[in-house]
Amino acid sequence: EPWHYSWFGFVGTLAPRLVELAGFSVLSPVRTADSSLSVESLFD
């Protein structure tokens, strides 16, 4: 069951802080989007 994914490649002086606020880190590079949020539609 191969995956279908979408992606953003980005840089910037605010990027490390935005990544942290979104719950990602070197130790935790994976997270699950709450099903009640609109993350999938934004990637769509």
All heavy atoms as atom14 arrays in JSON, in Angstrom:
{
  "sequence": "EPWHYSWFGFVGTLAPRLVELAGFSVLSPVRTADSSLSVESLFD",
  "atom14_mask": [
    [1, 1, 1, 1, 1, 1, 1, 1, 1, 0, 0, 0, 0, 0],
    [1, 1, 1, 1, 1, 1, 1, 0, 0, 0, 0, 0, 0, 0],
    [1, 1, 1, 1, 1, 1, 1, 1, 1, 1, 1, 1, 1, 1],
    [1, 1, 1, 1, 1, 1, 1, 1, 1, 1, 0, 0, 0, 0],
    [1, 1, 1, 1, 1, 1, 1, 1, 1, 1, 1, 1, 0, 0],
    [1, 1, 1, 1, 1, 1, 0, 0, 0, 0, 0, 0, 0, 0],
    [1, 1, 1, 1, 1, 1, 1, 1, 1, 1, 1, 1, 1, 1],
    [1, 1, 1, 1, 1, 1, 1, 1, 1, 1, 1, 0, 0, 0],
    [1, 1, 1, 1, 0, 0, 0, 0, 0, 0, 0, 0, 0, 0],
    [1, 1, 1, 1, 1, 1, 1, 1, 1, 1, 1, 0, 0, 0],
    [1, 1, 1, 1, 1, 1, 1, 0, 0, 0, 0, 0, 0, 0],
    [1, 1, 1, 1, 0, 0, 0, 0, 0, 0, 0, 0, 0, 0],
    [1, 1, 1, 1, 1, 1, 1, 0, 0, 0, 0, 0, 0, 0],
    [1, 1, 1, 1, 1, 1, 1, 1, 0, 0, 0, 0, 0, 0],
    [1, 1, 1, 1, 1, 0, 0, 0, 0, 0, 0, 0, 0, 0],
    [1, 1, 1, 1, 1, 1, 1, 0, 0, 0, 0, 0, 0, 0],
    [1, 1, 1, 1, 1, 1, 1, 1, 1, 1, 1, 0, 0, 0],
    [1, 1, 1, 1, 1, 1, 1, 1, 0, 0, 0, 0, 0, 0],
    [1, 1, 1, 1, 1, 1, 1, 0, 0, 0, 0, 0, 0, 0],
    [1, 1, 1, 1, 1, 1, 1, 1, 1, 0, 0, 0, 0, 0],
    [1, 1, 1, 1, 1, 1, 1, 1, 0, 0, 0, 0, 0, 0],
    [1, 1, 1, 1, 1, 0, 0, 0, 0, 0, 0, 0, 0, 0],
    [1, 1, 1, 1, 0, 0, 0, 0, 0, 0, 0, 0, 0, 0],
    [1, 1, 1, 1, 1, 1, 1, 1, 1, 1, 1, 0, 0, 0],
    [1, 1, 1, 1, 1, 1, 0, 0, 0, 0, 0, 0, 0, 0],
    [1, 1, 1, 1, 1, 1, 1, 0, 0, 0, 0, 0, 0, 0],
    [1, 1, 1, 1, 1, 1, 1, 1, 0, 0, 0, 0, 0, 0],
    [1, 1, 1, 1, 1, 1, 0, 0, 0, 0, 0, 0, 0, 0],
    [1, 1, 1, 1, 1, 1, 1, 0, 0, 0, 0, 0, 0, 0],
    [1, 1, 1, 1, 1, 1, 1, 0, 0, 0, 0, 0, 0, 0],
    [1, 1, 1, 1, 1, 1, 1, 1, 1, 1, 1, 0, 0, 0],
    [1, 1, 1, 1, 1, 1, 1, 0, 0, 0, 0, 0, 0, 0],
    [1, 1, 1, 1, 1, 0, 0, 0, 0, 0, 0, 0, 0, 0],
    [1, 1, 1, 1, 1, 1, 1, 1, 0, 0, 0, 0, 0, 0],
    [1, 1, 1, 1, 1, 1, 0, 0, 0, 0, 0, 0, 0, 0],
    [1, 1, 1, 1, 1, 1, 0, 0, 0, 0, 0, 0, 0, 0],
    [1, 1, 1, 1, 1, 1, 1, 1, 0, 0, 0, 0, 0, 0],
    [1, 1, 1, 1, 1, 1, 0, 0, 0, 0, 0, 0, 0, 0],
    [1, 1, 1, 1, 1, 1, 1, 0, 0, 0, 0, 0, 0, 0],
    [1, 1, 1, 1, 1, 1, 1, 1, 1, 0, 0, 0, 0, 0],
    [1, 1, 1, 1, 1, 1, 0, 0, 0, 0, 0, 0, 0, 0],
    [1, 1, 1, 1, 1, 1, 1, 1, 0, 0, 0, 0, 0, 0],
    [1, 1, 1, 1, 1, 1, 1, 1, 1, 1, 1, 0, 0, 0],
    [1, 1, 1, 1, 1, 1, 1, 1, 0, 0, 0, 0, 0, 0]
  ],
  "atom14_positions": [
    [[0.85, -1.2, 0.0], [0.0, 0.0, 0.0], [0.88, 1.24, 0.0], [1.04, 1.9, 1.02], [-0.92, 0.01, 1.22], [-1.93, -1.11, 1.28], [-2.84, -0.97, 2.49], [-3.68, -0.05, 2.51], [-2.68, -1.77, 3.44], [0.0, 0.0, 0.0], [0.0, 0.0, 0.0], [0.0, 0.0, 0.0], [0.0, 0.0, 0.0], [0.0, 0.0, 0.0]],
    [[1.49, 1.56, -1.14], [2.41, 2.71, -1.18], [1.69, 4.02, -0.9], [0.53, 4.19, -1.26], [2.95, 2.67, -2.61], [1.93, 1.92, -3.39], [1.34, 0.91, -2.44], [0.0, 0.0, 0.0], [0.0, 0.0, 0.0], [0.0, 0.0, 0.0], [0.0, 0.0, 0.0], [0.0, 0.0, 0.0], [0.0, 0.0, 0.0], [0.0, 0.0, 0.0]],
    [[2.4, 4.91, -0.26], [1.77, 6.16, 0.16], [1.64, 7.19, -0.96], [2.37, 7.19, -1.94], [2.47, 6.75, 1.36], [3.97, 6.9, 1.26], [4.76, 6.86, 0.14], [4.87, 7.09, 2.36], [6.07, 7.02, 0.47], [6.18, 7.17, 1.81], [4.7, 7.22, 3.73], [7.3, 7.37, 2.62], [5.83, 7.41, 4.52], [7.11, 7.48, 3.98]],
    [[0.67, 8.06, -0.76], [0.52, 9.29, -1.55], [0.76, 10.43, -0.58], [0.06, 10.56, 0.42], [-0.88, 9.37, -2.15], [-1.24, 10.74, -2.67], [-2.52, 11.24, -2.63], [-0.48, 11.7, -3.24], [-2.54, 12.45, -3.14], [-1.32, 12.77, -3.52], [0.0, 0.0, 0.0], [0.0, 0.0, 0.0], [0.0, 0.0, 0.0], [0.0, 0.0, 0.0]],
    [[1.78, 11.25, -0.84], [2.06, 12.36, 0.05], [2.28, 13.65, -0.73], [2.54, 13.63, -1.94], [3.27, 12.08, 0.95], [4.57, 11.7, 0.25], [5.2, 12.57, -0.64], [5.17, 10.48, 0.51], [6.38, 12.23, -1.26], [6.37, 10.12, -0.12], [6.96, 11.01, -1.0], [8.13, 10.67, -1.63], [0.0, 0.0, 0.0], [0.0, 0.0, 0.0]],
    [[2.15, 14.76, -0.01], [2.49, 16.08, -0.55], [3.54, 16.7, 0.34], [3.69, 16.31, 1.51], [1.25, 16.98, -0.61], [0.27, 16.44, -1.46], [0.0, 0.0, 0.0], [0.0, 0.0, 0.0], [0.0, 0.0, 0.0], [0.0, 0.0, 0.0], [0.0, 0.0, 0.0], [0.0, 0.0, 0.0], [0.0, 0.0, 0.0], [0.0, 0.0, 0.0]],
    [[4.27, 17.67, -0.18], [5.34, 18.25, 0.63], [5.6, 19.72, 0.31], [5.28, 20.21, -0.76], [6.64, 17.46, 0.46], [7.33, 17.66, -0.87], [8.26, 18.6, -1.19], [7.13, 16.88, -2.05], [8.66, 18.47, -2.48], [8.0, 17.42, -3.04], [6.33, 15.78, -2.36], [8.06, 16.88, -4.32], [6.4, 15.25, -3.65], [7.25, 15.8, -4.6]],
    [[6.17, 20.4, 1.3], [6.72, 21.74, 1.19], [8.22, 21.67, 1.47], [8.63, 21.1, 2.49], [6.13, 22.67, 2.26], [4.85, 23.35, 1.91], [3.65, 22.78, 2.25], [4.84, 24.59, 1.29], [2.45, 23.41, 1.96], [3.66, 25.23, 1.0], [2.46, 24.64, 1.33], [0.0, 0.0, 0.0], [0.0, 0.0, 0.0], [0.0, 0.0, 0.0]],
    [[9.03, 22.28, 0.63], [10.44, 22.5, 0.94], [10.63, 23.98, 1.22], [10.22, 24.83, 0.42], [0.0, 0.0, 0.0], [0.0, 0.0, 0.0], [0.0, 0.0, 0.0], [0.0, 0.0, 0.0], [0.0, 0.0, 0.0], [0.0, 0.0, 0.0], [0.0, 0.0, 0.0], [0.0, 0.0, 0.0], [0.0, 0.0, 0.0], [0.0, 0.0, 0.0]],
    [[11.23, 24.33, 2.37], [11.28, 25.74, 2.76], [12.53, 26.05, 3.59], [13.17, 25.15, 4.16], [10.02, 26.12, 3.54], [9.81, 25.33, 4.81], [10.25, 25.8, 6.04], [9.17, 24.1, 4.77], [10.07, 25.06, 7.21], [8.96, 23.35, 5.94], [9.42, 23.85, 7.15], [0.0, 0.0, 0.0], [0.0, 0.0, 0.0], [0.0, 0.0, 0.0]],
    [[12.85, 27.32, 3.65], [13.95, 27.85, 4.46], [13.48, 29.17, 5.08], [12.36, 29.61, 4.83], [15.23, 28.09, 3.63], [15.79, 26.78, 3.09], [14.94, 29.06, 2.47], [0.0, 0.0, 0.0], [0.0, 0.0, 0.0], [0.0, 0.0, 0.0], [0.0, 0.0, 0.0], [0.0, 0.0, 0.0], [0.0, 0.0, 0.0], [0.0, 0.0, 0.0]],
    [[14.34, 29.82, 5.86], [14.02, 31.13, 6.4], [14.44, 31.29, 7.85], [14.62, 30.3, 8.58], [0.0, 0.0, 0.0], [0.0, 0.0, 0.0], [0.0, 0.0, 0.0], [0.0, 0.0, 0.0], [0.0, 0.0, 0.0], [0.0, 0.0, 0.0], [0.0, 0.0, 0.0], [0.0, 0.0, 0.0], [0.0, 0.0, 0.0], [0.0, 0.0, 0.0]],
    [[14.62, 32.53, 8.27], [15.06, 32.8, 9.64], [14.02, 32.38, 10.67], [14.35, 32.05, 11.8], [15.38, 34.28, 9.81], [14.22, 35.07, 9.45], [16.54, 34.71, 8.93], [0.0, 0.0, 0.0], [0.0, 0.0, 0.0], [0.0, 0.0, 0.0], [0.0, 0.0, 0.0], [0.0, 0.0, 0.0], [0.0, 0.0, 0.0], [0.0, 0.0, 0.0]],
    [[12.74, 32.39, 10.28], [11.68, 31.97, 11.2], [11.4, 30.47, 11.16], [10.66, 29.95, 12.0], [10.37, 32.71, 10.88], [10.24, 34.16, 11.34], [8.87, 34.7, 10.96], [10.44, 34.28, 12.85], [0.0, 0.0, 0.0], [0.0, 0.0, 0.0], [0.0, 0.0, 0.0], [0.0, 0.0, 0.0], [0.0, 0.0, 0.0], [0.0, 0.0, 0.0]],
    [[11.99, 29.78, 10.18], [11.67, 28.36, 9.99], [11.93, 27.51, 11.24], [11.05, 26.73, 11.63], [12.44, 27.81, 8.8], [0.0, 0.0, 0.0], [0.0, 0.0, 0.0], [0.0, 0.0, 0.0], [0.0, 0.0, 0.0], [0.0, 0.0, 0.0], [0.0, 0.0, 0.0], [0.0, 0.0, 0.0], [0.0, 0.0, 0.0], [0.0, 0.0, 0.0]],
    [[13.08, 27.64, 11.93], [13.29, 26.8, 13.12], [12.24, 27.02, 14.2], [11.78, 26.06, 14.83], [14.69, 27.22, 13.6], [15.36, 27.77, 12.39], [14.28, 28.44, 11.62], [0.0, 0.0, 0.0], [0.0, 0.0, 0.0], [0.0, 0.0, 0.0], [0.0, 0.0, 0.0], [0.0, 0.0, 0.0], [0.0, 0.0, 0.0], [0.0, 0.0, 0.0]],
    [[11.83, 28.26, 14.4], [10.83, 28.55, 15.44], [9.45, 28.02, 15.04], [8.73, 27.45, 15.87], [10.77, 30.05, 15.7], [9.79, 30.47, 16.79], [10.13, 29.82, 18.11], [9.22, 30.24, 19.17], [8.93, 29.51, 20.23], [9.48, 28.32, 20.39], [8.1, 29.96, 21.16], [0.0, 0.0, 0.0], [0.0, 0.0, 0.0], [0.0, 0.0, 0.0]],
    [[9.09, 28.18, 13.78], [7.8, 27.67, 13.32], [7.74, 26.14, 13.42], [6.72, 25.58, 13.8], [7.55, 28.11, 11.88], [7.33, 29.62, 11.67], [7.34, 29.96, 10.19], [6.04, 30.07, 12.32], [0.0, 0.0, 0.0], [0.0, 0.0, 0.0], [0.0, 0.0, 0.0], [0.0, 0.0, 0.0], [0.0, 0.0, 0.0], [0.0, 0.0, 0.0]],
    [[8.85, 25.5, 13.08], [8.94, 24.05, 13.21], [8.74, 23.62, 14.66], [8.01, 22.67, 14.96], [10.31, 23.57, 12.67], [10.63, 22.16, 13.16], [10.34, 23.63, 11.15], [0.0, 0.0, 0.0], [0.0, 0.0, 0.0], [0.0, 0.0, 0.0], [0.0, 0.0, 0.0], [0.0, 0.0, 0.0], [0.0, 0.0, 0.0], [0.0, 0.0, 0.0]],
    [[9.38, 24.35, 15.59], [9.24, 24.05, 17.01], [7.81, 24.24, 17.49], [7.25, 23.4, 18.2], [10.18, 24.94, 17.82], [10.08, 24.76, 19.32], [10.87, 25.81, 20.09], [11.5, 26.67, 19.45], [10.85, 25.77, 21.33], [0.0, 0.0, 0.0], [0.0, 0.0, 0.0], [0.0, 0.0, 0.0], [0.0, 0.0, 0.0], [0.0, 0.0, 0.0]],
    [[7.19, 25.35, 17.09], [5.81, 25.62, 17.51], [4.84, 24.58, 16.97], [3.81, 24.31, 17.59], [5.39, 27.02, 17.04], [6.08, 28.2, 17.71], [5.67, 29.51, 17.05], [5.76, 28.25, 19.19], [0.0, 0.0, 0.0], [0.0, 0.0, 0.0], [0.0, 0.0, 0.0], [0.0, 0.0, 0.0], [0.0, 0.0, 0.0], [0.0, 0.0, 0.0]],
    [[5.17, 23.99, 15.83], [4.3, 22.97, 15.24], [4.51, 21.6, 15.87], [3.83, 20.64, 15.49], [4.53, 22.9, 13.73], [0.0, 0.0, 0.0], [0.0, 0.0, 0.0], [0.0, 0.0, 0.0], [0.0, 0.0, 0.0], [0.0, 0.0, 0.0], [0.0, 0.0, 0.0], [0.0, 0.0, 0.0], [0.0, 0.0, 0.0], [0.0, 0.0, 0.0]],
    [[5.45, 21.5, 16.83], [5.63, 20.25, 17.55], [6.69, 19.32, 17.0], [6.76, 18.16, 17.4], [0.0, 0.0, 0.0], [0.0, 0.0, 0.0], [0.0, 0.0, 0.0], [0.0, 0.0, 0.0], [0.0, 0.0, 0.0], [0.0, 0.0, 0.0], [0.0, 0.0, 0.0], [0.0, 0.0, 0.0], [0.0, 0.0, 0.0], [0.0, 0.0, 0.0]],
    [[7.55, 19.82, 16.09], [8.6, 18.99, 15.52], [9.95, 19.32, 16.18], [10.18, 20.44, 16.61], [8.73, 19.23, 14.02], [7.54, 18.81, 13.22], [6.63, 19.75, 12.76], [7.33, 17.48, 12.91], [5.53, 19.37, 12.01], [6.23, 17.08, 12.16], [5.32, 18.03, 11.72], [0.0, 0.0, 0.0], [0.0, 0.0, 0.0], [0.0, 0.0, 0.0]],
    [[10.83, 18.34, 16.21], [12.2, 18.53, 16.66], [13.05, 17.43, 16.06], [12.53, 16.5, 15.43], [12.29, 18.49, 18.2], [12.05, 17.17, 18.67], [0.0, 0.0, 0.0], [0.0, 0.0, 0.0], [0.0, 0.0, 0.0], [0.0, 0.0, 0.0], [0.0, 0.0, 0.0], [0.0, 0.0, 0.0], [0.0, 0.0, 0.0], [0.0, 0.0, 0.0]],
    [[14.37, 17.51, 16.28], [15.27, 16.46, 15.79], [14.89, 15.12, 16.42], [14.92, 14.08, 15.76], [16.74, 16.81, 16.12], [17.66, 15.64, 15.78], [17.17, 18.05, 15.34], [0.0, 0.0, 0.0], [0.0, 0.0, 0.0], [0.0, 0.0, 0.0], [0.0, 0.0, 0.0], [0.0, 0.0, 0.0], [0.0, 0.0, 0.0], [0.0, 0.0, 0.0]],
    [[14.5, 15.14, 17.7], [14.11, 13.92, 18.38], [12.7, 13.48, 18.04], [12.36, 12.3, 18.19], [14.23, 14.1, 19.9], [15.65, 14.32, 20.45], [15.6, 14.57, 21.95], [16.53, 13.14, 20.13], [0.0, 0.0, 0.0], [0.0, 0.0, 0.0], [0.0, 0.0, 0.0], [0.0, 0.0, 0.0], [0.0, 0.0, 0.0], [0.0, 0.0, 0.0]],
    [[11.86, 14.41, 17.6], [10.45, 14.08, 17.29], [10.08, 14.66, 15.92], [9.36, 15.67, 15.84], [9.53, 14.65, 18.38], [9.85, 14.11, 19.63], [0.0, 0.0, 0.0], [0.0, 0.0, 0.0], [0.0, 0.0, 0.0], [0.0, 0.0, 0.0], [0.0, 0.0, 0.0], [0.0, 0.0, 0.0], [0.0, 0.0, 0.0], [0.0, 0.0, 0.0]],
    [[10.55, 14.04, 14.83], [10.28, 14.59, 13.5], [8.96, 14.15, 12.9], [8.68, 14.45, 11.74], [11.45, 14.04, 12.68], [11.73, 12.71, 13.31], [11.45, 12.88, 14.79], [0.0, 0.0, 0.0], [0.0, 0.0, 0.0], [0.0, 0.0, 0.0], [0.0, 0.0, 0.0], [0.0, 0.0, 0.0], [0.0, 0.0, 0.0], [0.0, 0.0, 0.0]],
    [[8.14, 13.44, 13.68], [6.87, 12.91, 13.17], [5.75, 13.34, 14.1], [5.92, 13.38, 15.32], [6.91, 11.36, 13.1], [5.54, 10.79, 12.74], [7.96, 10.89, 12.11], [0.0, 0.0, 0.0], [0.0, 0.0, 0.0], [0.0, 0.0, 0.0], [0.0, 0.0, 0.0], [0.0, 0.0, 0.0], [0.0, 0.0, 0.0], [0.0, 0.0, 0.0]],
    [[4.6, 13.66, 13.56], [3.43, 13.91, 14.38], [2.17, 13.6, 13.57], [2.21, 13.49, 12.34], [3.38, 15.34, 14.92], [3.24, 16.44, 13.88], [2.75, 17.72, 14.53], [1.39, 17.57, 15.01], [0.7, 18.54, 15.61], [1.27, 19.71, 15.83], [-0.54, 18.35, 16.0], [0.0, 0.0, 0.0], [0.0, 0.0, 0.0], [0.0, 0.0, 0.0]],
    [[1.07, 13.44, 14.29], [-0.22, 13.14, 13.66], [-1.08, 14.38, 13.69], [-1.17, 15.06, 14.72], [-0.93, 12.0, 14.42], [-0.08, 10.84, 14.41], [-2.25, 11.66, 13.76], [0.0, 0.0, 0.0], [0.0, 0.0, 0.0], [0.0, 0.0, 0.0], [0.0, 0.0, 0.0], [0.0, 0.0, 0.0], [0.0, 0.0, 0.0], [0.0, 0.0, 0.0]],
    [[-1.71, 14.7, 12.58], [-2.6, 15.85, 12.52], [-3.94, 15.47, 13.12], [-4.5, 14.42, 12.8], [-2.78, 16.3, 11.08], [0.0, 0.0, 0.0], [0.0, 0.0, 0.0], [0.0, 0.0, 0.0], [0.0, 0.0, 0.0], [0.0, 0.0, 0.0], [0.0, 0.0, 0.0], [0.0, 0.0, 0.0], [0.0, 0.0, 0.0], [0.0, 0.0, 0.0]],
    [[-4.45, 16.31, 14.01], [-5.77, 16.09, 14.59], [-6.79, 16.03, 13.46], [-6.83, 16.88, 12.58], [-6.08, 17.24, 15.55], [-7.34, 16.98, 16.38], [-8.37, 16.64, 15.79], [-7.27, 17.13, 17.61], [0.0, 0.0, 0.0], [0.0, 0.0, 0.0], [0.0, 0.0, 0.0], [0.0, 0.0, 0.0], [0.0, 0.0, 0.0], [0.0, 0.0, 0.0]],
    [[-7.65, 15.01, 13.49], [-8.63, 14.82, 12.41], [-9.62, 15.97, 12.31], [-10.27, 16.16, 11.28], [-9.39, 13.51, 12.6], [-10.07, 13.51, 13.85], [0.0, 0.0, 0.0], [0.0, 0.0, 0.0], [0.0, 0.0, 0.0], [0.0, 0.0, 0.0], [0.0, 0.0, 0.0], [0.0, 0.0, 0.0], [0.0, 0.0, 0.0], [0.0, 0.0, 0.0]],
    [[-9.77, 16.75, 13.4], [-10.72, 17.86, 13.38], [-10.14, 19.11, 12.72], [-10.85, 20.07, 12.48], [-11.16, 18.21, 14.8], [-10.08, 18.73, 15.56], [0.0, 0.0, 0.0], [0.0, 0.0, 0.0], [0.0, 0.0, 0.0], [0.0, 0.0, 0.0], [0.0, 0.0, 0.0], [0.0, 0.0, 0.0], [0.0, 0.0, 0.0], [0.0, 0.0, 0.0]],
    [[-8.83, 19.1, 12.43], [-8.18, 20.26, 11.83], [-8.18, 20.14, 10.3], [-8.47, 19.09, 9.74], [-6.75, 20.4, 12.36], [-6.62, 20.49, 13.89], [-5.16, 20.6, 14.29], [-7.42, 21.67, 14.43], [0.0, 0.0, 0.0], [0.0, 0.0, 0.0], [0.0, 0.0, 0.0], [0.0, 0.0, 0.0], [0.0, 0.0, 0.0], [0.0, 0.0, 0.0]],
    [[-7.81, 21.23, 9.64], [-7.94, 21.29, 8.18], [-6.6, 21.06, 7.48], [-6.4, 21.55, 6.37], [-8.49, 22.66, 7.78], [-7.65, 23.7, 8.29], [0.0, 0.0, 0.0], [0.0, 0.0, 0.0], [0.0, 0.0, 0.0], [0.0, 0.0, 0.0], [0.0, 0.0, 0.0], [0.0, 0.0, 0.0], [0.0, 0.0, 0.0], [0.0, 0.0, 0.0]],
    [[-5.69, 20.32, 8.09], [-4.35, 20.16, 7.52], [-4.41, 19.53, 6.13], [-3.76, 20.0, 5.2], [-3.46, 19.34, 8.46], [-2.11, 19.05, 7.8], [-3.25, 20.08, 9.77], [0.0, 0.0, 0.0], [0.0, 0.0, 0.0], [0.0, 0.0, 0.0], [0.0, 0.0, 0.0], [0.0, 0.0, 0.0], [0.0, 0.0, 0.0], [0.0, 0.0, 0.0]],
    [[-5.19, 18.46, 5.97], [-5.22, 17.78, 4.68], [-5.75, 18.7, 3.59], [-5.2, 18.74, 2.49], [-6.06, 16.51, 4.75], [-6.11, 15.79, 3.4], [-6.67, 14.39, 3.48], [-7.37, 14.09, 4.46], [-6.4, 13.6, 2.55], [0.0, 0.0, 0.0], [0.0, 0.0, 0.0], [0.0, 0.0, 0.0], [0.0, 0.0, 0.0], [0.0, 0.0, 0.0]],
    [[-6.79, 19.45, 3.89], [-7.36, 20.34, 2.87], [-6.36, 21.43, 2.48], [-6.32, 21.86, 1.32], [-8.66, 20.97, 3.37], [-8.43, 21.81, 4.49], [0.0, 0.0, 0.0], [0.0, 0.0, 0.0], [0.0, 0.0, 0.0], [0.0, 0.0, 0.0], [0.0, 0.0, 0.0], [0.0, 0.0, 0.0], [0.0, 0.0, 0.0], [0.0, 0.0, 0.0]],
    [[-5.52, 21.85, 3.43], [-4.5, 22.86, 3.12], [-3.46, 22.27, 2.17], [-3.03, 22.93, 1.22], [-3.84, 23.36, 4.4], [-4.74, 24.16, 5.34], [-4.01, 24.47, 6.65], [-5.2, 25.46, 4.69], [0.0, 0.0, 0.0], [0.0, 0.0, 0.0], [0.0, 0.0, 0.0], [0.0, 0.0, 0.0], [0.0, 0.0, 0.0], [0.0, 0.0, 0.0]],
    [[-3.04, 21.03, 2.42], [-2.11, 20.39, 1.5], [-2.76, 20.1, 0.14], [-2.09, 20.12, -0.89], [-1.56, 19.1, 2.12], [-0.36, 19.31, 3.0], [-0.52, 19.54, 4.36], [0.92, 19.3, 2.48], [0.58, 19.73, 5.18], [2.03, 19.5, 3.28], [1.86, 19.72, 4.64], [0.0, 0.0, 0.0], [0.0, 0.0, 0.0], [0.0, 0.0, 0.0]],
    [[-4.06, 19.85, 0.14], [-4.76, 19.6, -1.12], [-4.72, 20.82, -2.04], [-4.86, 20.69, -3.27], [-6.22, 19.22, -0.86], [-6.37, 17.8, -0.34], [-5.43, 17.0, -0.51], [-7.41, 17.5, 0.28], [0.0, 0.0, 0.0], [0.0, 0.0, 0.0], [0.0, 0.0, 0.0], [0.0, 0.0, 0.0], [0.0, 0.0, 0.0], [0.0, 0.0, 0.0]]
  ]
}
